Amino acid sequence: MKIYTRTGDTGETSLFDGTRARKDDPRVDAYGEVDELNAWLGFVRASAPAPAIDAELAPIQRDLFALGAQLADPADKLAARVTKAIVSDEDVARLEQAIDRLDAALPPLRRFILAGGTPAGAALHVARTVCRRAERRIVALDPPVDPVLVRYMNRLSDLLFVLARAVNQRAGVLEAEW
C-alpha cells in the first residue's frame, strides 16, 4: 500500500462513511486539531518523562485516535464495527481520577501560573492550548457531535494542565506566577 493516494490533490478528503469533504470543512478541521494534539503528546512522551507520566499519556493518545475517528464518522457507523474507536463516559471518569490523584500531590494554586518549566512541562502547556482549540472546533460543529466528546476534551485540557504542573514539580522547577 502506498502512502500517497492522490485522492486529496483537489483539496478534498474522505470521511469514514466514504463521503468526500473539503479539507477546510469544519469537521475535518476539528479532527485535524485532535491530530495535532496527539502529536504534541507524542512529543512530550519522546522527551522521556517519568514512567508514571508516560503511563498517563499512552492511553490518552489512543483515546484521541478514537475521538478523531468519531469526528470523521458523521453517519455514526463506526461504533457498531470498531468498539476501540469509541470515547465513552468511562474514559472521562478515568481522566477525572487522574486529575484528582495528581492534583492532590501539588501545592494549591493561589495565582495564575505562566506556561513553561521543563521542556516536557512547557510542551504539556502547549498541548493544553491545542486541546482547548480542538474543543472549540468540536463545539462549533453542526450538527452537534456526541456530547461525551466535548466532555472528554474539556476534562483532558484540565488534566494536561495538572500534568504540566506535576512534571515541573517532579523536576524541582518552580512555577512562575502571574
N, C-alpha and C. Protein backbone atom coordinates (compact mmCIF):
# COMPACT_ATOMS: atom_id res chain seq x y z
N MET A 1 0.84 -1.18 0.00
CA MET A 1 0.00 0.00 0.00
C MET A 1 0.89 1.24 0.00
N LYS A 2 0.62 2.15 -0.89
CA LYS A 2 1.39 3.38 -0.96
C LYS A 2 0.85 4.39 0.04
N ILE A 3 1.74 5.23 0.54
CA ILE A 3 1.36 6.29 1.47
C ILE A 3 0.51 7.34 0.77
N TYR A 4 0.82 7.64 -0.46
CA TYR A 4 0.05 8.67 -1.17
C TYR A 4 -1.00 8.00 -2.05
N THR A 5 -2.16 8.65 -2.10
CA THR A 5 -3.27 8.12 -2.90
C THR A 5 -3.66 9.06 -4.03
N ARG A 6 -3.26 10.30 -3.90
CA ARG A 6 -3.60 11.37 -4.86
C ARG A 6 -5.07 11.76 -4.79
N THR A 7 -5.85 11.13 -3.91
CA THR A 7 -7.27 11.47 -3.84
C THR A 7 -7.51 12.81 -3.16
N GLY A 8 -6.52 13.34 -2.49
CA GLY A 8 -6.66 14.63 -1.83
C GLY A 8 -6.06 15.78 -2.61
N ASP A 9 -5.62 15.52 -3.81
CA ASP A 9 -4.93 16.54 -4.60
C ASP A 9 -5.83 17.69 -5.02
N THR A 10 -7.12 17.52 -4.93
CA THR A 10 -8.04 18.60 -5.30
C THR A 10 -8.58 19.34 -4.08
N GLY A 11 -7.99 19.07 -2.91
CA GLY A 11 -8.42 19.76 -1.69
C GLY A 11 -9.56 19.09 -0.97
N GLU A 12 -9.80 17.83 -1.27
CA GLU A 12 -10.85 17.07 -0.59
C GLU A 12 -10.25 15.85 0.08
N THR A 13 -10.99 15.29 1.03
CA THR A 13 -10.59 14.07 1.72
C THR A 13 -11.84 13.22 1.92
N SER A 14 -11.65 11.97 2.26
CA SER A 14 -12.77 11.08 2.52
C SER A 14 -13.04 10.98 4.01
N LEU A 15 -14.31 11.04 4.36
CA LEU A 15 -14.72 10.77 5.73
C LEU A 15 -14.91 9.26 5.88
N PHE A 16 -15.15 8.82 7.11
CA PHE A 16 -15.24 7.39 7.39
C PHE A 16 -16.33 6.71 6.56
N ASP A 17 -17.44 7.41 6.33
CA ASP A 17 -18.55 6.80 5.59
C ASP A 17 -18.37 6.86 4.08
N GLY A 18 -17.21 7.35 3.63
CA GLY A 18 -16.91 7.39 2.20
C GLY A 18 -17.28 8.70 1.52
N THR A 19 -18.02 9.57 2.20
CA THR A 19 -18.35 10.85 1.59
C THR A 19 -17.09 11.70 1.50
N ARG A 20 -17.08 12.59 0.52
CA ARG A 20 -15.95 13.49 0.32
C ARG A 20 -16.27 14.81 1.01
N ALA A 21 -15.24 15.39 1.59
CA ALA A 21 -15.38 16.70 2.26
C ALA A 21 -14.16 17.54 1.91
N ARG A 22 -14.39 18.84 1.81
CA ARG A 22 -13.25 19.74 1.60
C ARG A 22 -12.35 19.67 2.82
N LYS A 23 -11.06 19.87 2.59
CA LYS A 23 -10.10 19.80 3.68
C LYS A 23 -10.26 20.94 4.67
N ASP A 24 -10.97 21.99 4.29
CA ASP A 24 -11.24 23.08 5.22
C ASP A 24 -12.64 22.98 5.84
N ASP A 25 -13.30 21.85 5.64
CA ASP A 25 -14.60 21.59 6.26
C ASP A 25 -14.43 21.62 7.78
N PRO A 26 -15.37 22.18 8.53
CA PRO A 26 -15.24 22.24 9.99
C PRO A 26 -14.98 20.90 10.65
N ARG A 27 -15.57 19.84 10.13
CA ARG A 27 -15.37 18.51 10.72
C ARG A 27 -13.93 18.05 10.51
N VAL A 28 -13.41 18.26 9.32
CA VAL A 28 -12.02 17.89 9.02
C VAL A 28 -11.07 18.75 9.85
N ASP A 29 -11.40 20.03 9.99
CA ASP A 29 -10.60 20.93 10.82
C ASP A 29 -10.58 20.44 12.26
N ALA A 30 -11.72 20.01 12.77
CA ALA A 30 -11.80 19.55 14.17
C ALA A 30 -10.92 18.32 14.39
N TYR A 31 -11.02 17.33 13.50
CA TYR A 31 -10.18 16.15 13.76
C TYR A 31 -8.73 16.42 13.42
N GLY A 32 -8.45 17.42 12.62
CA GLY A 32 -7.06 17.85 12.41
C GLY A 32 -6.46 18.45 13.66
N GLU A 33 -7.26 19.20 14.39
CA GLU A 33 -6.80 19.76 15.67
C GLU A 33 -6.52 18.65 16.68
N VAL A 34 -7.37 17.64 16.70
CA VAL A 34 -7.17 16.50 17.59
C VAL A 34 -5.88 15.77 17.21
N ASP A 35 -5.62 15.66 15.92
CA ASP A 35 -4.39 15.03 15.45
C ASP A 35 -3.16 15.83 15.90
N GLU A 36 -3.24 17.16 15.82
CA GLU A 36 -2.13 17.99 16.29
C GLU A 36 -1.90 17.78 17.78
N LEU A 37 -2.97 17.73 18.55
CA LEU A 37 -2.86 17.48 19.98
C LEU A 37 -2.16 16.15 20.23
N ASN A 38 -2.54 15.13 19.49
CA ASN A 38 -1.93 13.82 19.65
C ASN A 38 -0.43 13.89 19.35
N ALA A 39 -0.06 14.66 18.34
CA ALA A 39 1.36 14.81 18.01
C ALA A 39 2.11 15.51 19.14
N TRP A 40 1.51 16.50 19.77
CA TRP A 40 2.16 17.17 20.91
C TRP A 40 2.36 16.19 22.06
N LEU A 41 1.38 15.33 22.29
CA LEU A 41 1.55 14.35 23.36
C LEU A 41 2.66 13.36 23.01
N GLY A 42 2.79 13.02 21.74
CA GLY A 42 3.91 12.19 21.31
C GLY A 42 5.24 12.89 21.55
N PHE A 43 5.27 14.19 21.33
CA PHE A 43 6.47 14.99 21.59
C PHE A 43 6.83 14.94 23.08
N VAL A 44 5.83 15.10 23.93
CA VAL A 44 6.06 15.02 25.38
C VAL A 44 6.61 13.64 25.74
N ARG A 45 6.00 12.60 25.21
CA ARG A 45 6.45 11.24 25.51
C ARG A 45 7.87 10.99 25.01
N ALA A 46 8.22 11.60 23.89
CA ALA A 46 9.57 11.44 23.34
C ALA A 46 10.63 12.12 24.20
N SER A 47 10.19 13.04 25.07
CA SER A 47 11.14 13.72 25.96
C SER A 47 11.45 12.89 27.19
N ALA A 48 10.96 11.65 27.22
CA ALA A 48 11.23 10.70 28.31
C ALA A 48 10.81 11.23 29.67
N PRO A 49 9.51 11.53 29.82
CA PRO A 49 9.05 11.93 31.16
C PRO A 49 9.10 10.74 32.11
N ALA A 50 8.83 10.97 33.36
CA ALA A 50 8.79 9.88 34.34
C ALA A 50 7.83 8.80 33.84
N PRO A 51 8.13 7.54 34.15
CA PRO A 51 7.25 6.45 33.68
C PRO A 51 5.79 6.65 34.07
N ALA A 52 5.52 7.22 35.23
CA ALA A 52 4.13 7.43 35.65
C ALA A 52 3.43 8.44 34.74
N ILE A 53 4.16 9.45 34.27
CA ILE A 53 3.58 10.45 33.37
C ILE A 53 3.35 9.81 32.00
N ASP A 54 4.33 9.06 31.53
CA ASP A 54 4.18 8.38 30.25
C ASP A 54 2.99 7.42 30.29
N ALA A 55 2.81 6.77 31.41
CA ALA A 55 1.68 5.83 31.56
C ALA A 55 0.34 6.55 31.50
N GLU A 56 0.30 7.81 31.90
CA GLU A 56 -0.94 8.60 31.77
C GLU A 56 -1.19 8.97 30.31
N LEU A 57 -0.12 9.27 29.58
CA LEU A 57 -0.26 9.80 28.23
C LEU A 57 -0.57 8.74 27.17
N ALA A 58 -0.05 7.53 27.34
CA ALA A 58 -0.25 6.48 26.33
C ALA A 58 -1.73 6.20 26.05
N PRO A 59 -2.56 5.98 27.07
CA PRO A 59 -3.98 5.72 26.76
C PRO A 59 -4.69 6.96 26.21
N ILE A 60 -4.22 8.14 26.58
CA ILE A 60 -4.83 9.36 26.04
C ILE A 60 -4.59 9.44 24.54
N GLN A 61 -3.39 9.07 24.10
CA GLN A 61 -3.13 9.07 22.66
C GLN A 61 -4.07 8.12 21.94
N ARG A 62 -4.32 6.97 22.53
CA ARG A 62 -5.27 6.03 21.91
C ARG A 62 -6.68 6.61 21.90
N ASP A 63 -7.06 7.24 23.01
CA ASP A 63 -8.38 7.89 23.06
C ASP A 63 -8.52 8.95 21.97
N LEU A 64 -7.45 9.71 21.74
CA LEU A 64 -7.53 10.77 20.73
C LEU A 64 -7.69 10.20 19.33
N PHE A 65 -7.09 9.04 19.07
CA PHE A 65 -7.34 8.38 17.78
C PHE A 65 -8.82 8.01 17.67
N ALA A 66 -9.38 7.48 18.75
CA ALA A 66 -10.79 7.12 18.75
C ALA A 66 -11.67 8.35 18.56
N LEU A 67 -11.34 9.42 19.26
CA LEU A 67 -12.12 10.64 19.16
C LEU A 67 -12.07 11.19 17.74
N GLY A 68 -10.87 11.19 17.15
CA GLY A 68 -10.74 11.64 15.77
C GLY A 68 -11.55 10.78 14.81
N ALA A 69 -11.55 9.49 15.06
CA ALA A 69 -12.34 8.59 14.21
C ALA A 69 -13.83 8.89 14.34
N GLN A 70 -14.29 9.18 15.54
CA GLN A 70 -15.70 9.53 15.72
C GLN A 70 -16.03 10.84 15.00
N LEU A 71 -15.10 11.79 15.02
CA LEU A 71 -15.34 13.05 14.31
C LEU A 71 -15.37 12.83 12.80
N ALA A 72 -14.61 11.87 12.31
CA ALA A 72 -14.56 11.58 10.88
C ALA A 72 -15.71 10.69 10.43
N ASP A 73 -16.64 10.41 11.33
CA ASP A 73 -17.74 9.49 11.06
C ASP A 73 -19.09 10.20 11.24
N PRO A 74 -19.47 11.08 10.32
CA PRO A 74 -20.71 11.83 10.50
C PRO A 74 -21.97 10.98 10.51
N ALA A 75 -21.91 9.79 9.95
CA ALA A 75 -23.10 8.92 9.91
C ALA A 75 -23.16 7.97 11.10
N ASP A 76 -22.22 8.09 12.04
CA ASP A 76 -22.19 7.23 13.23
C ASP A 76 -22.22 5.74 12.89
N LYS A 77 -21.45 5.34 11.91
CA LYS A 77 -21.38 3.93 11.51
C LYS A 77 -20.24 3.20 12.20
N LEU A 78 -19.37 3.93 12.84
CA LEU A 78 -18.16 3.36 13.40
C LEU A 78 -18.43 2.47 14.62
N ALA A 79 -19.29 2.90 15.50
CA ALA A 79 -19.50 2.22 16.78
C ALA A 79 -19.81 0.74 16.62
N ALA A 80 -20.64 0.42 15.67
CA ALA A 80 -21.05 -0.97 15.51
C ALA A 80 -19.90 -1.85 15.00
N ARG A 81 -18.90 -1.23 14.38
CA ARG A 81 -17.85 -2.02 13.75
C ARG A 81 -16.53 -2.02 14.51
N VAL A 82 -16.21 -0.92 15.19
CA VAL A 82 -14.88 -0.78 15.78
C VAL A 82 -15.03 -0.22 17.20
N THR A 83 -15.23 -1.09 18.16
CA THR A 83 -15.50 -0.63 19.52
C THR A 83 -14.32 0.11 20.14
N LYS A 84 -13.09 -0.18 19.73
CA LYS A 84 -11.95 0.53 20.31
C LYS A 84 -11.91 1.98 19.86
N ALA A 85 -12.73 2.34 18.89
CA ALA A 85 -12.74 3.70 18.37
C ALA A 85 -13.87 4.53 18.95
N ILE A 86 -14.25 4.24 20.16
CA ILE A 86 -15.33 4.97 20.80
C ILE A 86 -14.84 5.55 22.13
N VAL A 87 -15.02 6.85 22.30
CA VAL A 87 -14.73 7.51 23.57
C VAL A 87 -16.02 7.51 24.39
N SER A 88 -15.90 7.12 25.65
CA SER A 88 -17.10 6.94 26.48
C SER A 88 -16.99 7.72 27.79
N ASP A 89 -18.06 7.70 28.53
CA ASP A 89 -18.07 8.35 29.85
C ASP A 89 -17.05 7.70 30.79
N GLU A 90 -16.75 6.42 30.59
CA GLU A 90 -15.73 5.77 31.41
C GLU A 90 -14.36 6.40 31.16
N ASP A 91 -14.10 6.82 29.92
CA ASP A 91 -12.84 7.48 29.61
C ASP A 91 -12.77 8.85 30.29
N VAL A 92 -13.89 9.56 30.32
CA VAL A 92 -13.94 10.84 31.02
C VAL A 92 -13.68 10.62 32.51
N ALA A 93 -14.29 9.61 33.08
CA ALA A 93 -14.08 9.30 34.50
C ALA A 93 -12.62 8.96 34.78
N ARG A 94 -11.98 8.24 33.87
CA ARG A 94 -10.55 7.92 34.03
C ARG A 94 -9.71 9.19 34.08
N LEU A 95 -10.04 10.17 33.24
CA LEU A 95 -9.32 11.44 33.26
C LEU A 95 -9.54 12.16 34.59
N GLU A 96 -10.77 12.16 35.08
CA GLU A 96 -11.07 12.82 36.35
C GLU A 96 -10.30 12.18 37.50
N GLN A 97 -10.21 10.86 37.49
CA GLN A 97 -9.45 10.17 38.53
C GLN A 97 -7.98 10.56 38.49
N ALA A 98 -7.43 10.67 37.29
CA ALA A 98 -6.03 11.07 37.15
C ALA A 98 -5.82 12.51 37.63
N ILE A 99 -6.75 13.39 37.29
CA ILE A 99 -6.66 14.79 37.75
C ILE A 99 -6.64 14.82 39.28
N ASP A 100 -7.58 14.13 39.90
CA ASP A 100 -7.67 14.13 41.36
C ASP A 100 -6.41 13.57 42.00
N ARG A 101 -5.91 12.47 41.46
CA ARG A 101 -4.72 11.82 42.02
C ARG A 101 -3.49 12.73 41.90
N LEU A 102 -3.27 13.31 40.73
CA LEU A 102 -2.10 14.17 40.52
C LEU A 102 -2.22 15.49 41.26
N ASP A 103 -3.41 16.07 41.25
CA ASP A 103 -3.60 17.37 41.87
C ASP A 103 -3.42 17.30 43.39
N ALA A 104 -3.73 16.16 43.98
CA ALA A 104 -3.59 16.00 45.43
C ALA A 104 -2.13 16.15 45.88
N ALA A 105 -1.19 15.89 44.99
CA ALA A 105 0.23 15.97 45.33
C ALA A 105 0.84 17.34 44.99
N LEU A 106 0.03 18.24 44.46
CA LEU A 106 0.54 19.55 44.05
C LEU A 106 0.16 20.63 45.07
N PRO A 107 0.99 21.67 45.17
CA PRO A 107 0.59 22.78 46.05
C PRO A 107 -0.65 23.46 45.48
N PRO A 108 -1.51 23.98 46.35
CA PRO A 108 -2.72 24.64 45.84
C PRO A 108 -2.35 25.88 45.02
N LEU A 109 -3.16 26.13 44.01
CA LEU A 109 -2.95 27.33 43.19
C LEU A 109 -3.46 28.56 43.95
N ARG A 110 -2.66 29.58 43.96
CA ARG A 110 -3.05 30.84 44.59
C ARG A 110 -3.14 31.96 43.56
N ARG A 111 -2.47 31.76 42.44
CA ARG A 111 -2.45 32.74 41.35
C ARG A 111 -2.41 31.96 40.03
N PHE A 112 -2.59 32.71 38.95
CA PHE A 112 -2.36 32.10 37.64
C PHE A 112 -0.88 31.80 37.51
N ILE A 113 -0.56 30.76 36.75
CA ILE A 113 0.85 30.47 36.50
C ILE A 113 1.15 30.63 35.01
N LEU A 114 2.39 30.98 34.74
CA LEU A 114 2.82 31.13 33.36
C LEU A 114 3.28 29.78 32.82
N ALA A 115 2.94 29.52 31.58
CA ALA A 115 3.37 28.27 30.94
C ALA A 115 4.89 28.25 30.86
N GLY A 116 5.46 27.09 31.06
CA GLY A 116 6.91 26.96 30.97
C GLY A 116 7.39 25.82 31.84
N GLY A 117 8.59 26.01 32.39
CA GLY A 117 9.19 24.98 33.23
C GLY A 117 10.12 24.12 32.41
N THR A 118 10.03 22.83 32.61
CA THR A 118 10.86 21.89 31.86
C THR A 118 10.36 21.82 30.42
N PRO A 119 11.16 21.28 29.50
CA PRO A 119 10.65 21.11 28.13
C PRO A 119 9.35 20.29 28.09
N ALA A 120 9.28 19.22 28.86
CA ALA A 120 8.05 18.41 28.86
C ALA A 120 6.89 19.18 29.47
N GLY A 121 7.15 19.93 30.54
CA GLY A 121 6.10 20.73 31.16
C GLY A 121 5.59 21.80 30.20
N ALA A 122 6.51 22.48 29.52
CA ALA A 122 6.12 23.50 28.56
C ALA A 122 5.34 22.89 27.40
N ALA A 123 5.77 21.72 26.93
CA ALA A 123 5.06 21.05 25.83
C ALA A 123 3.66 20.62 26.27
N LEU A 124 3.50 20.24 27.53
CA LEU A 124 2.16 19.91 28.04
C LEU A 124 1.28 21.14 28.08
N HIS A 125 1.85 22.29 28.39
CA HIS A 125 1.07 23.54 28.34
C HIS A 125 0.65 23.86 26.91
N VAL A 126 1.54 23.63 25.93
CA VAL A 126 1.16 23.82 24.53
C VAL A 126 0.05 22.84 24.18
N ALA A 127 0.20 21.60 24.59
CA ALA A 127 -0.83 20.59 24.32
C ALA A 127 -2.17 21.02 24.91
N ARG A 128 -2.13 21.61 26.09
CA ARG A 128 -3.38 22.09 26.72
C ARG A 128 -4.06 23.14 25.85
N THR A 129 -3.29 24.06 25.29
CA THR A 129 -3.90 25.11 24.47
C THR A 129 -4.42 24.53 23.15
N VAL A 130 -3.71 23.56 22.59
CA VAL A 130 -4.18 22.90 21.38
C VAL A 130 -5.47 22.13 21.69
N CYS A 131 -5.53 21.52 22.86
CA CYS A 131 -6.73 20.80 23.29
C CYS A 131 -7.92 21.75 23.37
N ARG A 132 -7.71 22.92 23.94
CA ARG A 132 -8.80 23.91 24.03
C ARG A 132 -9.25 24.35 22.65
N ARG A 133 -8.30 24.54 21.73
CA ARG A 133 -8.66 24.93 20.36
C ARG A 133 -9.46 23.81 19.70
N ALA A 134 -9.03 22.58 19.86
CA ALA A 134 -9.78 21.44 19.30
C ALA A 134 -11.18 21.38 19.90
N GLU A 135 -11.27 21.62 21.19
CA GLU A 135 -12.58 21.61 21.84
C GLU A 135 -13.50 22.67 21.23
N ARG A 136 -12.96 23.87 20.97
CA ARG A 136 -13.78 24.92 20.36
C ARG A 136 -14.25 24.50 18.97
N ARG A 137 -13.38 23.85 18.21
CA ARG A 137 -13.77 23.40 16.87
C ARG A 137 -14.86 22.33 16.96
N ILE A 138 -14.74 21.45 17.93
CA ILE A 138 -15.73 20.38 18.10
C ILE A 138 -17.08 20.96 18.52
N VAL A 139 -17.06 21.91 19.44
CA VAL A 139 -18.31 22.54 19.91
C VAL A 139 -19.02 23.26 18.76
N ALA A 140 -18.26 23.78 17.82
CA ALA A 140 -18.84 24.55 16.71
C ALA A 140 -19.47 23.68 15.63
N LEU A 141 -19.28 22.37 15.68
CA LEU A 141 -19.79 21.50 14.62
C LEU A 141 -21.32 21.49 14.59
N ASP A 142 -21.85 21.47 13.37
CA ASP A 142 -23.29 21.41 13.17
C ASP A 142 -23.55 20.37 12.09
N PRO A 143 -24.24 19.30 12.40
CA PRO A 143 -24.92 19.03 13.66
C PRO A 143 -23.93 18.71 14.78
N PRO A 144 -24.38 18.91 16.00
CA PRO A 144 -23.50 18.64 17.15
C PRO A 144 -23.08 17.18 17.21
N VAL A 145 -21.91 16.96 17.78
CA VAL A 145 -21.40 15.60 17.95
C VAL A 145 -21.87 15.06 19.29
N ASP A 146 -21.57 13.80 19.53
CA ASP A 146 -21.89 13.17 20.80
C ASP A 146 -21.30 14.02 21.93
N PRO A 147 -22.10 14.43 22.89
CA PRO A 147 -21.62 15.31 23.98
C PRO A 147 -20.46 14.73 24.78
N VAL A 148 -20.28 13.43 24.78
CA VAL A 148 -19.16 12.84 25.52
C VAL A 148 -17.83 13.31 24.93
N LEU A 149 -17.78 13.59 23.65
CA LEU A 149 -16.54 14.07 23.03
C LEU A 149 -16.15 15.44 23.59
N VAL A 150 -17.13 16.29 23.79
CA VAL A 150 -16.87 17.61 24.36
C VAL A 150 -16.44 17.47 25.82
N ARG A 151 -17.12 16.63 26.56
CA ARG A 151 -16.74 16.40 27.97
C ARG A 151 -15.31 15.87 28.06
N TYR A 152 -14.98 14.93 27.17
CA TYR A 152 -13.63 14.36 27.19
C TYR A 152 -12.59 15.44 26.95
N MET A 153 -12.79 16.25 25.93
CA MET A 153 -11.80 17.29 25.61
C MET A 153 -11.70 18.33 26.72
N ASN A 154 -12.82 18.68 27.31
CA ASN A 154 -12.82 19.64 28.40
C ASN A 154 -12.02 19.10 29.59
N ARG A 155 -12.25 17.86 29.93
CA ARG A 155 -11.53 17.25 31.04
C ARG A 155 -10.06 17.04 30.69
N LEU A 156 -9.79 16.69 29.44
CA LEU A 156 -8.41 16.47 29.04
C LEU A 156 -7.58 17.74 29.18
N SER A 157 -8.13 18.88 28.83
CA SER A 157 -7.35 20.11 28.97
C SER A 157 -7.02 20.37 30.44
N ASP A 158 -7.95 20.04 31.33
CA ASP A 158 -7.66 20.17 32.77
C ASP A 158 -6.54 19.22 33.18
N LEU A 159 -6.60 17.99 32.69
CA LEU A 159 -5.57 17.02 33.03
C LEU A 159 -4.21 17.45 32.49
N LEU A 160 -4.17 17.99 31.29
CA LEU A 160 -2.89 18.43 30.72
C LEU A 160 -2.28 19.55 31.55
N PHE A 161 -3.11 20.43 32.09
CA PHE A 161 -2.63 21.49 32.97
C PHE A 161 -2.02 20.88 34.24
N VAL A 162 -2.73 19.94 34.83
CA VAL A 162 -2.24 19.30 36.05
C VAL A 162 -0.97 18.48 35.75
N LEU A 163 -0.94 17.81 34.61
CA LEU A 163 0.26 17.06 34.24
C LEU A 163 1.47 17.99 34.06
N ALA A 164 1.26 19.15 33.45
CA ALA A 164 2.36 20.11 33.29
C ALA A 164 2.89 20.54 34.65
N ARG A 165 1.99 20.81 35.57
CA ARG A 165 2.41 21.19 36.92
C ARG A 165 3.15 20.04 37.59
N ALA A 166 2.64 18.82 37.44
CA ALA A 166 3.27 17.66 38.08
C ALA A 166 4.65 17.40 37.52
N VAL A 167 4.79 17.48 36.20
CA VAL A 167 6.10 17.26 35.57
C VAL A 167 7.10 18.28 36.10
N ASN A 168 6.69 19.53 36.16
CA ASN A 168 7.60 20.58 36.63
C ASN A 168 7.94 20.40 38.11
N GLN A 169 6.95 20.05 38.91
CA GLN A 169 7.21 19.85 40.33
C GLN A 169 8.18 18.69 40.55
N ARG A 170 7.97 17.60 39.84
CA ARG A 170 8.84 16.43 40.00
C ARG A 170 10.27 16.72 39.56
N ALA A 171 10.43 17.71 38.67
CA ALA A 171 11.77 18.10 38.22
C ALA A 171 12.37 19.19 39.11
N GLY A 172 11.61 19.63 40.12
CA GLY A 172 12.09 20.66 41.03
C GLY A 172 12.07 22.06 40.43
N VAL A 173 11.26 22.25 39.41
CA VAL A 173 11.16 23.57 38.75
C VAL A 173 9.97 24.31 39.35
N LEU A 174 10.24 25.49 39.90
CA LEU A 174 9.18 26.30 40.48
C LEU A 174 8.30 26.92 39.40
N GLU A 175 7.02 27.07 39.71
CA GLU A 175 6.09 27.68 38.79
C GLU A 175 6.25 29.20 38.82
N ALA A 176 6.20 29.82 37.66
CA ALA A 176 6.26 31.28 37.58
C ALA A 176 4.83 31.81 37.68
N GLU A 177 4.58 32.57 38.71
CA GLU A 177 3.22 33.11 38.92
C GLU A 177 3.04 34.42 38.18
N TRP A 178 1.81 34.68 37.84
CA TRP A 178 1.45 35.94 37.19
C TRP A 178 0.81 36.86 38.20
